């Protein structure tokens, strides 16, 4: 029985715990990106929460995540835009 939805703090703690247990592996990042994406898709977390929590994870699978939300493959132009966006995020 569902007794509530996970809070940002709960999710952050769970992400930190798993990163401590397993390290910043591709598997951990992809599982969490998928889980957070589902919570966002179902309206259980806000976009800002998704962005803050996703920033805690290794930067992999971002193009595939974009495609999942868009339900279409990236065009060459979109792929360049995503690359530039990710490059700017890592320089901050």
PDB file of N, CA and C in Angstrom:
ATOM      1  N   UNK A   1       0.834  -1.174   0.000  1.00  0.00           N
ATOM      2  CA  UNK A   1       0.000   0.000   0.000  1.00  0.00           C
ATOM      3  C   UNK A   1       0.879   1.238   0.000  1.00  0.00           C
ATOM      4  N   UNK A   2       0.576   2.186  -0.867  1.00  0.00           N
ATOM      5  CA  UNK A   2       1.333   3.426  -0.939  1.00  0.00           C
ATOM      6  C   UNK A   2       0.881   4.358   0.174  1.00  0.00           C
ATOM      7  N   UNK A   3       1.838   4.824   0.962  1.00  0.00           N
ATOM      8  CA  UNK A   3       1.504   5.722   2.059  1.00  0.00           C
ATOM      9  C   UNK A   3       2.012   7.130   1.810  1.00  0.00           C
ATOM     10  N   UNK A   4       2.521   7.397   0.646  1.00  0.00           N
ATOM     11  CA  UNK A   4       3.044   8.717   0.302  1.00  0.00           C
ATOM     12  C   UNK A   4       4.058   8.606  -0.809  1.00  0.00           C
ATOM     13  N   UNK A   5       4.510   9.742  -1.233  1.00  0.00           N
ATOM     14  CA  UNK A   5       5.483   9.790  -2.315  1.00  0.00           C
ATOM     15  C   UNK A   5       6.842  10.170  -1.748  1.00  0.00           C
ATOM     16  N   UNK A   6       7.918   9.751  -2.406  1.00  0.00           N
ATOM     17  CA  UNK A   6       9.246  10.080  -1.886  1.00  0.00           C
ATOM     18  C   UNK A   6       9.501  11.584  -1.986  1.00  0.00           C
ATOM     19  N   UNK A   7      10.116  12.124  -0.940  1.00  0.00           N
ATOM     20  CA  UNK A   7      10.478  13.540  -0.954  1.00  0.00           C
ATOM     21  C   UNK A   7      11.835  13.709  -1.615  1.00  0.00           C
ATOM     22  N   UNK A   8      12.160  14.931  -1.962  1.00  0.00           N
ATOM     23  CA  UNK A   8      13.471  15.199  -2.549  1.00  0.00           C
ATOM     24  C   UNK A   8      14.582  14.776  -1.589  1.00  0.00           C
ATOM     25  N   UNK A   9      14.406  15.066  -0.312  1.00  0.00           N
ATOM     26  CA  UNK A   9      15.408  14.702   0.682  1.00  0.00           C
ATOM     27  C   UNK A   9      15.589  13.186   0.769  1.00  0.00           C
ATOM     28  N   UNK A  10      14.485  12.451   0.762  1.00  0.00           N
ATOM     29  CA  UNK A  10      14.578  10.984   0.801  1.00  0.00           C
ATOM     30  C   UNK A  10      15.317  10.453  -0.426  1.00  0.00           C
ATOM     31  N   UNK A  11      14.956  10.973  -1.591  1.00  0.00           N
ATOM     32  CA  UNK A  11      15.595  10.523  -2.824  1.00  0.00           C
ATOM     33  C   UNK A  11      17.079  10.877  -2.827  1.00  0.00           C
ATOM     34  N   UNK A  12      17.417  12.087  -2.375  1.00  0.00           N
ATOM     35  CA  UNK A  12      18.819  12.499  -2.308  1.00  0.00           C
ATOM     36  C   UNK A  12      19.606  11.550  -1.394  1.00  0.00           C
ATOM     37  N   UNK A  13      19.041  11.242  -0.237  1.00  0.00           N
ATOM     38  CA  UNK A  13      19.711  10.333   0.687  1.00  0.00           C
ATOM     39  C   UNK A  13      19.889   8.940   0.084  1.00  0.00           C
ATOM     40  N   UNK A  14      18.876   8.459  -0.615  1.00  0.00           N
ATOM     41  CA  UNK A  14      18.975   7.144  -1.247  1.00  0.00           C
ATOM     42  C   UNK A  14      20.036   7.133  -2.339  1.00  0.00           C
ATOM     43  N   UNK A  15      20.108   8.215  -3.113  1.00  0.00           N
ATOM     44  CA  UNK A  15      21.137   8.321  -4.156  1.00  0.00           C
ATOM     45  C   UNK A  15      22.522   8.329  -3.506  1.00  0.00           C
ATOM     46  N   UNK A  16      22.709   9.172  -2.477  1.00  0.00           N
ATOM     47  CA  UNK A  16      24.005   9.217  -1.792  1.00  0.00           C
ATOM     48  C   UNK A  16      24.371   7.850  -1.229  1.00  0.00           C
ATOM     49  N   UNK A  17      23.404   7.170  -0.616  1.00  0.00           N
ATOM     50  CA  UNK A  17      23.682   5.842  -0.067  1.00  0.00           C
ATOM     51  C   UNK A  17      24.149   4.886  -1.147  1.00  0.00           C
ATOM     52  N   UNK A  18      23.426   4.845  -2.249  1.00  0.00           N
ATOM     53  CA  UNK A  18      23.805   3.897  -3.298  1.00  0.00           C
ATOM     54  C   UNK A  18      25.150   4.261  -3.921  1.00  0.00           C
ATOM     55  N   UNK A  19      25.418   5.547  -4.077  1.00  0.00           N
ATOM     56  CA  UNK A  19      26.723   5.959  -4.592  1.00  0.00           C
ATOM     57  C   UNK A  19      27.837   5.552  -3.626  1.00  0.00           C
ATOM     58  N   UNK A  20      27.569   5.632  -2.339  1.00  0.00           N
ATOM     59  CA  UNK A  20      28.564   5.189  -1.351  1.00  0.00           C
ATOM     60  C   UNK A  20      28.753   3.678  -1.385  1.00  0.00           C
ATOM     61  N   UNK A  21      27.677   2.932  -1.574  1.00  0.00           N
ATOM     62  CA  UNK A  21      27.766   1.469  -1.599  1.00  0.00           C
ATOM     63  C   UNK A  21      28.420   0.953  -2.868  1.00  0.00           C
ATOM     64  N   UNK A  22      28.036   1.511  -4.009  1.00  0.00           N
ATOM     65  CA  UNK A  22      28.453   0.971  -5.316  1.00  0.00           C
ATOM     66  C   UNK A  22      29.418   1.856  -6.081  1.00  0.00           C
ATOM     67  N   UNK A  23      29.561   3.107  -5.660  1.00  0.00           N
ATOM     68  CA  UNK A  23      30.387   4.050  -6.402  1.00  0.00           C
ATOM     69  C   UNK A  23      29.600   4.638  -7.559  1.00  0.00           C
ATOM     70  N   UNK A  24      30.191   5.631  -8.222  1.00  0.00           N
ATOM     71  CA  UNK A  24      29.502   6.312  -9.319  1.00  0.00           C
ATOM     72  C   UNK A  24      29.586   5.512 -10.628  1.00  0.00           C
ATOM     73  N   UNK A  25      29.026   4.318 -10.608  1.00  0.00           N
ATOM     74  CA  UNK A  25      29.094   3.443 -11.786  1.00  0.00           C
ATOM     75  C   UNK A  25      28.035   3.828 -12.814  1.00  0.00           C
ATOM     76  N   UNK A  26      28.243   3.372 -14.030  1.00  0.00           N
ATOM     77  CA  UNK A  26      27.252   3.587 -15.085  1.00  0.00           C
ATOM     78  C   UNK A  26      25.922   2.953 -14.701  1.00  0.00           C
ATOM     79  N   UNK A  27      25.979   1.779 -14.104  1.00  0.00           N
ATOM     80  CA  UNK A  27      24.748   1.073 -13.726  1.00  0.00           C
ATOM     81  C   UNK A  27      23.941   1.880 -12.722  1.00  0.00           C
ATOM     82  N   UNK A  28      24.599   2.383 -11.686  1.00  0.00           N
ATOM     83  CA  UNK A  28      23.897   3.194 -10.681  1.00  0.00           C
ATOM     84  C   UNK A  28      23.283   4.425 -11.340  1.00  0.00           C
ATOM     85  N   UNK A  29      24.053   5.095 -12.183  1.00  0.00           N
ATOM     86  CA  UNK A  29      23.554   6.307 -12.837  1.00  0.00           C
ATOM     87  C   UNK A  29      22.345   6.003 -13.718  1.00  0.00           C
ATOM     88  N   UNK A  30      22.426   4.946 -14.509  1.00  0.00           N
ATOM     89  CA  UNK A  30      21.330   4.635 -15.428  1.00  0.00           C
ATOM     90  C   UNK A  30      20.066   4.210 -14.690  1.00  0.00           C
ATOM     91  N   UNK A  31      20.224   3.435 -13.627  1.00  0.00           N
ATOM     92  CA  UNK A  31      19.048   3.031 -12.848  1.00  0.00           C
ATOM     93  C   UNK A  31      18.387   4.257 -12.233  1.00  0.00           C
ATOM     94  N   UNK A  32      19.180   5.128 -11.632  1.00  0.00           N
ATOM     95  CA  UNK A  32      18.607   6.306 -10.996  1.00  0.00           C
ATOM     96  C   UNK A  32      18.034   7.289 -12.010  1.00  0.00           C
ATOM     97  N   UNK A  33      18.689   7.458 -13.151  1.00  0.00           N
ATOM     98  CA  UNK A  33      18.120   8.331 -14.190  1.00  0.00           C
ATOM     99  C   UNK A  33      16.749   7.808 -14.626  1.00  0.00           C
ATOM    100  N   UNK A  34      16.642   6.489 -14.790  1.00  0.00           N
ATOM    101  CA  UNK A  34      15.362   5.898 -15.181  1.00  0.00           C
ATOM    102  C   UNK A  34      14.296   6.071 -14.115  1.00  0.00           C
ATOM    103  N   UNK A  35      14.674   5.852 -12.866  1.00  0.00           N
ATOM    104  CA  UNK A  35      13.725   5.981 -11.758  1.00  0.00           C
ATOM    105  C   UNK A  35      13.249   7.424 -11.613  1.00  0.00           C
ATOM    106  N   UNK A  36      14.194   8.370 -11.650  1.00  0.00           N
ATOM    107  CA  UNK A  36      13.821   9.777 -11.553  1.00  0.00           C
ATOM    108  C   UNK A  36      12.981  10.203 -12.752  1.00  0.00           C
ATOM    109  N   UNK A  37      13.321   9.679 -13.932  1.00  0.00           N
ATOM    110  CA  UNK A  37      12.536   9.984 -15.131  1.00  0.00           C
ATOM    111  C   UNK A  37      11.102   9.508 -14.997  1.00  0.00           C
ATOM    112  N   UNK A  38      10.916   8.327 -14.415  1.00  0.00           N
ATOM    113  CA  UNK A  38       9.565   7.804 -14.211  1.00  0.00           C
ATOM    114  C   UNK A  38       8.800   8.669 -13.215  1.00  0.00           C
ATOM    115  N   UNK A  39       9.450   9.061 -12.124  1.00  0.00           N
ATOM    116  CA  UNK A  39       8.784   9.930 -11.144  1.00  0.00           C
ATOM    117  C   UNK A  39       8.368  11.254 -11.781  1.00  0.00           C
ATOM    118  N   UNK A  40       9.235  11.791 -12.628  1.00  0.00           N
ATOM    119  CA  UNK A  40       8.913  13.036 -13.324  1.00  0.00           C
ATOM    120  C   UNK A  40       7.762  12.829 -14.301  1.00  0.00           C
ATOM    121  N   UNK A  41       7.832  11.779 -15.079  1.00  0.00           N
ATOM    122  CA  UNK A  41       6.789  11.474 -16.073  1.00  0.00           C
ATOM    123  C   UNK A  41       5.416  11.323 -15.413  1.00  0.00           C
ATOM    124  N   UNK A  42       5.382  10.730 -14.231  1.00  0.00           N
ATOM    125  CA  UNK A  42       4.119  10.491 -13.532  1.00  0.00           C
ATOM    126  C   UNK A  42       3.681  11.672 -12.672  1.00  0.00           C
ATOM    127  N   UNK A  43       4.462  12.757 -12.723  1.00  0.00           N
ATOM    128  CA  UNK A  43       4.093  13.959 -11.983  1.00  0.00           C
ATOM    129  C   UNK A  43       4.333  13.861 -10.482  1.00  0.00           C
ATOM    130  N   UNK A  44       5.218  12.955 -10.063  1.00  0.00           N
ATOM    131  CA  UNK A  44       5.468  12.778  -8.639  1.00  0.00           C
ATOM    132  C   UNK A  44       6.611  13.644  -8.124  1.00  0.00           C
ATOM    133  N   UNK A  45       7.415  14.177  -9.042  1.00  0.00           N
ATOM    134  CA  UNK A  45       8.423  15.172  -8.687  1.00  0.00           C
ATOM    135  C   UNK A  45       8.380  16.276  -9.746  1.00  0.00           C
ATOM    136  N   UNK A  46       8.831  17.450  -9.356  1.00  0.00           N
ATOM    137  CA  UNK A  46       8.895  18.593 -10.265  1.00  0.00           C
ATOM    138  C   UNK A  46      10.175  18.539 -11.102  1.00  0.00           C
ATOM    139  N   UNK A  47      10.171  19.275 -12.202  1.00  0.00           N
ATOM    140  CA  UNK A  47      11.338  19.321 -13.091  1.00  0.00           C
ATOM    141  C   UNK A  47      12.572  19.796 -12.326  1.00  0.00           C
ATOM    142  N   UNK A  48      12.415  20.794 -11.470  1.00  0.00           N
ATOM    143  CA  UNK A  48      13.554  21.322 -10.713  1.00  0.00           C
ATOM    144  C   UNK A  48      14.137  20.261  -9.782  1.00  0.00           C
ATOM    145  N   UNK A  49      13.277  19.451  -9.175  1.00  0.00           N
ATOM    146  CA  UNK A  49      13.745  18.361  -8.311  1.00  0.00           C
ATOM    147  C   UNK A  49      14.497  17.333  -9.155  1.00  0.00           C
ATOM    148  N   UNK A  50      13.928  16.979 -10.296  1.00  0.00           N
ATOM    149  CA  UNK A  50      14.591  16.053 -11.217  1.00  0.00           C
ATOM    150  C   UNK A  50      15.984  16.563 -11.571  1.00  0.00           C
ATOM    151  N   UNK A  51      16.077  17.849 -11.926  1.00  0.00           N
ATOM    152  CA  UNK A  51      17.370  18.427 -12.313  1.00  0.00           C
ATOM    153  C   UNK A  51      18.370  18.395 -11.164  1.00  0.00           C
ATOM    154  N   UNK A  52      17.931  18.773  -9.967  1.00  0.00           N
ATOM    155  CA  UNK A  52      18.846  18.776  -8.817  1.00  0.00           C
ATOM    156  C   UNK A  52      19.338  17.369  -8.486  1.00  0.00           C
ATOM    157  N   UNK A  53      18.439  16.399  -8.497  1.00  0.00           N
ATOM    158  CA  UNK A  53      18.832  15.028  -8.169  1.00  0.00           C
ATOM    159  C   UNK A  53      19.679  14.410  -9.278  1.00  0.00           C
ATOM    160  N   UNK A  54      19.342  14.690 -10.514  1.00  0.00           N
ATOM    161  CA  UNK A  54      20.132  14.162 -11.637  1.00  0.00           C
ATOM    162  C   UNK A  54      21.556  14.691 -11.615  1.00  0.00           C
ATOM    163  N   UNK A  55      21.728  15.908 -11.106  1.00  0.00           N
ATOM    164  CA  UNK A  55      23.061  16.514 -11.039  1.00  0.00           C
ATOM    165  C   UNK A  55      23.982  15.759 -10.080  1.00  0.00           C
ATOM    166  N   UNK A  56      23.423  14.938  -9.201  1.00  0.00           N
ATOM    167  CA  UNK A  56      24.226  14.154  -8.265  1.00  0.00           C
ATOM    168  C   UNK A  56      24.839  12.915  -8.917  1.00  0.00           C
ATOM    169  N   UNK A  57      24.344  12.572 -10.089  1.00  0.00           N
ATOM    170  CA  UNK A  57      24.722  11.317 -10.753  1.00  0.00           C
ATOM    171  C   UNK A  57      25.782  11.545 -11.828  1.00  0.00           C
ATOM    172  N   UNK A  58      26.554  10.502 -12.149  1.00  0.00           N
ATOM    173  CA  UNK A  58      27.501  10.607 -13.262  1.00  0.00           C
ATOM    174  C   UNK A  58      26.775  11.013 -14.547  1.00  0.00           C
ATOM    175  N   UNK A  59      27.482  11.730 -15.388  1.00  0.00           N
ATOM    176  CA  UNK A  59      26.895  12.279 -16.611  1.00  0.00           C
ATOM    177  C   UNK A  59      26.941  11.271 -17.754  1.00  0.00           C
ATOM    178  N   UNK A  60      26.080  10.269 -17.665  1.00  0.00           N
ATOM    179  CA  UNK A  60      25.948   9.311 -18.766  1.00  0.00           C
ATOM    180  C   UNK A  60      24.468   9.117 -19.057  1.00  0.00           C
ATOM    181  N   UNK A  61      24.159   8.724 -20.264  1.00  0.00           N
ATOM    182  CA  UNK A  61      22.783   8.412 -20.624  1.00  0.00           C
ATOM    183  C   UNK A  61      21.898   9.624 -20.843  1.00  0.00           C
ATOM    184  N   UNK A  62      22.476  10.818 -20.882  1.00  0.00           N
ATOM    185  CA  UNK A  62      21.663  12.024 -21.007  1.00  0.00           C
ATOM    186  C   UNK A  62      20.956  12.126 -22.355  1.00  0.00           C
ATOM    187  N   UNK A  63      21.628  11.732 -23.415  1.00  0.00           N
ATOM    188  CA  UNK A  63      20.995  11.787 -24.741  1.00  0.00           C
ATOM    189  C   UNK A  63      19.854  10.780 -24.824  1.00  0.00           C
ATOM    190  N   UNK A  64      20.080   9.607 -24.280  1.00  0.00           N
ATOM    191  CA  UNK A  64      19.036   8.581 -24.296  1.00  0.00           C
ATOM    192  C   UNK A  64      17.844   9.008 -23.434  1.00  0.00           C
ATOM    193  N   UNK A  65      18.122   9.687 -22.339  1.00  0.00           N
ATOM    194  CA  UNK A  65      17.051  10.187 -21.483  1.00  0.00           C
ATOM    195  C   UNK A  65      16.221  11.238 -22.220  1.00  0.00           C
ATOM    196  N   UNK A  66      16.892  12.115 -22.940  1.00  0.00           N
ATOM    197  CA  UNK A  66      16.198  13.120 -23.750  1.00  0.00           C
ATOM    198  C   UNK A  66      15.296  12.437 -24.779  1.00  0.00           C
ATOM    199  N   UNK A  67      15.832  11.425 -25.442  1.00  0.00           N
ATOM    200  CA  UNK A  67      15.046  10.695 -26.440  1.00  0.00           C
ATOM    201  C   UNK A  67      13.839  10.009 -25.807  1.00  0.00           C
ATOM    202  N   UNK A  68      14.025   9.473 -24.601  1.00  0.00           N
ATOM    203  CA  UNK A  68      12.922   8.800 -23.916  1.00  0.00           C
ATOM    204  C   UNK A  68      11.778   9.779 -23.673  1.00  0.00           C
ATOM    205  N   UNK A  69      12.104  10.975 -23.170  1.00  0.00           N
ATOM    206  CA  UNK A  69      11.069  11.964 -22.906  1.00  0.00           C
ATOM    207  C   UNK A  69      10.436  12.488 -24.192  1.00  0.00           C
ATOM    208  N   UNK A  70      11.233  12.653 -25.246  1.00  0.00           N
ATOM    209  CA  UNK A  70      10.729  13.181 -26.508  1.00  0.00           C
ATOM    210  C   UNK A  70      10.029  12.112 -27.342  1.00  0.00           C
ATOM    211  N   UNK A  71      10.286  10.855 -27.053  1.00  0.00           N
ATOM    212  CA  UNK A  71       9.757   9.719 -27.806  1.00  0.00           C
ATOM    213  C   UNK A  71      10.149   9.778 -29.274  1.00  0.00           C
ATOM    214  N   UNK A  72      11.372  10.231 -29.507  1.00  0.00           N
ATOM    215  CA  UNK A  72      11.930  10.243 -30.854  1.00  0.00           C
ATOM    216  C   UNK A  72      13.440  10.391 -30.758  1.00  0.00           C
ATOM    217  N   UNK A  73      14.153   9.954 -31.785  1.00  0.00           N
ATOM    218  CA  UNK A  73      15.608  10.071 -31.739  1.00  0.00           C
ATOM    219  C   UNK A  73      16.048  11.529 -31.876  1.00  0.00           C
ATOM    220  N   UNK A  74      17.227  11.806 -31.359  1.00  0.00           N
ATOM    221  CA  UNK A  74      17.804  13.136 -31.503  1.00  0.00           C
ATOM    222  C   UNK A  74      18.211  13.382 -32.949  1.00  0.00           C
ATOM    223  N   UNK A  75      17.962  14.577 -33.425  1.00  0.00           N
ATOM    224  CA  UNK A  75      18.511  14.971 -34.719  1.00  0.00           C
ATOM    225  C   UNK A  75      19.969  15.348 -34.493  1.00  0.00           C
ATOM    226  N   UNK A  76      20.713  15.503 -35.546  1.00  0.00           N
ATOM    227  CA  UNK A  76      22.120  15.900 -35.421  1.00  0.00           C
ATOM    228  C   UNK A  76      22.226  17.248 -34.716  1.00  0.00           C
ATOM    229  N   UNK A  77      21.327  18.165 -35.014  1.00  0.00           N
ATOM    230  CA  UNK A  77      21.336  19.491 -34.379  1.00  0.00           C
ATOM    231  C   UNK A  77      21.022  19.379 -32.877  1.00  0.00           C
ATOM    232  N   UNK A  78      20.033  18.576 -32.533  1.00  0.00           N
ATOM    233  CA  UNK A  78      19.693  18.393 -31.124  1.00  0.00           C
ATOM    234  C   UNK A  78      20.840  17.738 -30.363  1.00  0.00           C
ATOM    235  N   UNK A  79      21.508  16.800 -31.007  1.00  0.00           N
ATOM    236  CA  UNK A  79      22.635  16.139 -30.364  1.00  0.00           C
ATOM    237  C   UNK A  79      23.745  17.139 -30.062  1.00  0.00           C
ATOM    238  N   UNK A  80      24.007  18.049 -30.984  1.00  0.00           N
ATOM    239  CA  UNK A  80      25.009  19.103 -30.743  1.00  0.00           C
ATOM    240  C   UNK A  80      24.568  20.006 -29.593  1.00  0.00           C
ATOM    241  N   UNK A  81      23.280  20.333 -29.542  1.00  0.00           N
ATOM    242  CA  UNK A  81      22.760  21.179 -28.465  1.00  0.00           C
ATOM    243  C   UNK A  81      22.907  20.500 -27.111  1.00  0.00           C
ATOM    244  N   UNK A  82      22.610  19.208 -27.040  1.00  0.00           N
ATOM    245  CA  UNK A  82      22.755  18.464 -25.789  1.00  0.00           C
ATOM    246  C   UNK A  82      24.220  18.416 -25.388  1.00  0.00           C
ATOM    247  N   UNK A  83      25.106  18.155 -26.341  1.00  0.00           N
ATOM    248  CA  UNK A  83      26.544  18.129 -26.051  1.00  0.00           C
ATOM    249  C   UNK A  83      27.002  19.476 -25.482  1.00  0.00           C
ATOM    250  N   UNK A  84      26.565  20.559 -26.081  1.00  0.00           N
ATOM    251  CA  UNK A  84      26.953  21.898 -25.621  1.00  0.00           C
ATOM    252  C   UNK A  84      26.382  22.173 -24.227  1.00  0.00           C
ATOM    253  N   UNK A  85      25.146  21.800 -23.996  1.00  0.00           N
ATOM    254  CA  UNK A  85      24.515  21.977 -22.681  1.00  0.00           C
ATOM    255  C   UNK A  85      25.292  21.211 -21.616  1.00  0.00           C
ATOM    256  N   UNK A  86      25.644  19.968 -21.893  1.00  0.00           N
ATOM    257  CA  UNK A  86      26.391  19.153 -20.935  1.00  0.00           C
ATOM    258  C   UNK A  86      27.800  19.705 -20.713  1.00  0.00           C
ATOM    259  N   UNK A  87      28.413  20.211 -21.762  1.00  0.00           N
ATOM    260  CA  UNK A  87      29.746  20.799 -21.649  1.00  0.00           C
ATOM    261  C   UNK A  87      29.688  22.020 -20.719  1.00  0.00           C
ATOM    262  N   UNK A  88      28.658  22.850 -20.870  1.00  0.00           N
ATOM    263  CA  UNK A  88      28.521  24.033 -20.008  1.00  0.00           C
ATOM    264  C   UNK A  88      28.261  23.646 -18.564  1.00  0.00           C
ATOM    265  N   UNK A  89      27.471  22.597 -18.343  1.00  0.00           N
ATOM    266  CA  UNK A  89      27.165  22.152 -16.981  1.00  0.00           C
ATOM    267  C   UNK A  89      28.405  21.644 -16.264  1.00  0.00           C
ATOM    268  N   UNK A  90      29.295  20.978 -16.993  1.00  0.00           N
ATOM    269  CA  UNK A  90      30.484  20.417 -16.357  1.00  0.00           C
ATOM    270  C   UNK A  90      31.550  21.485 -16.111  1.00  0.00           C
ATOM    271  N   UNK A  91      31.454  22.620 -16.772  1.00  0.00           N
ATOM    272  CA  UNK A  91      32.426  23.698 -16.586  1.00  0.00           C
ATOM    273  C   UNK A  91      32.079  24.570 -15.380  1.00  0.00           C
ATOM    274  N   UNK A  92      30.870  24.431 -14.826  1.00  0.00           N
ATOM    275  CA  UNK A  92      30.446  25.259 -13.693  1.00  0.00           C
ATOM    276  C   UNK A  92      31.038  24.778 -12.412  1.00  0.00           C
TER     277      UNK A  92
END
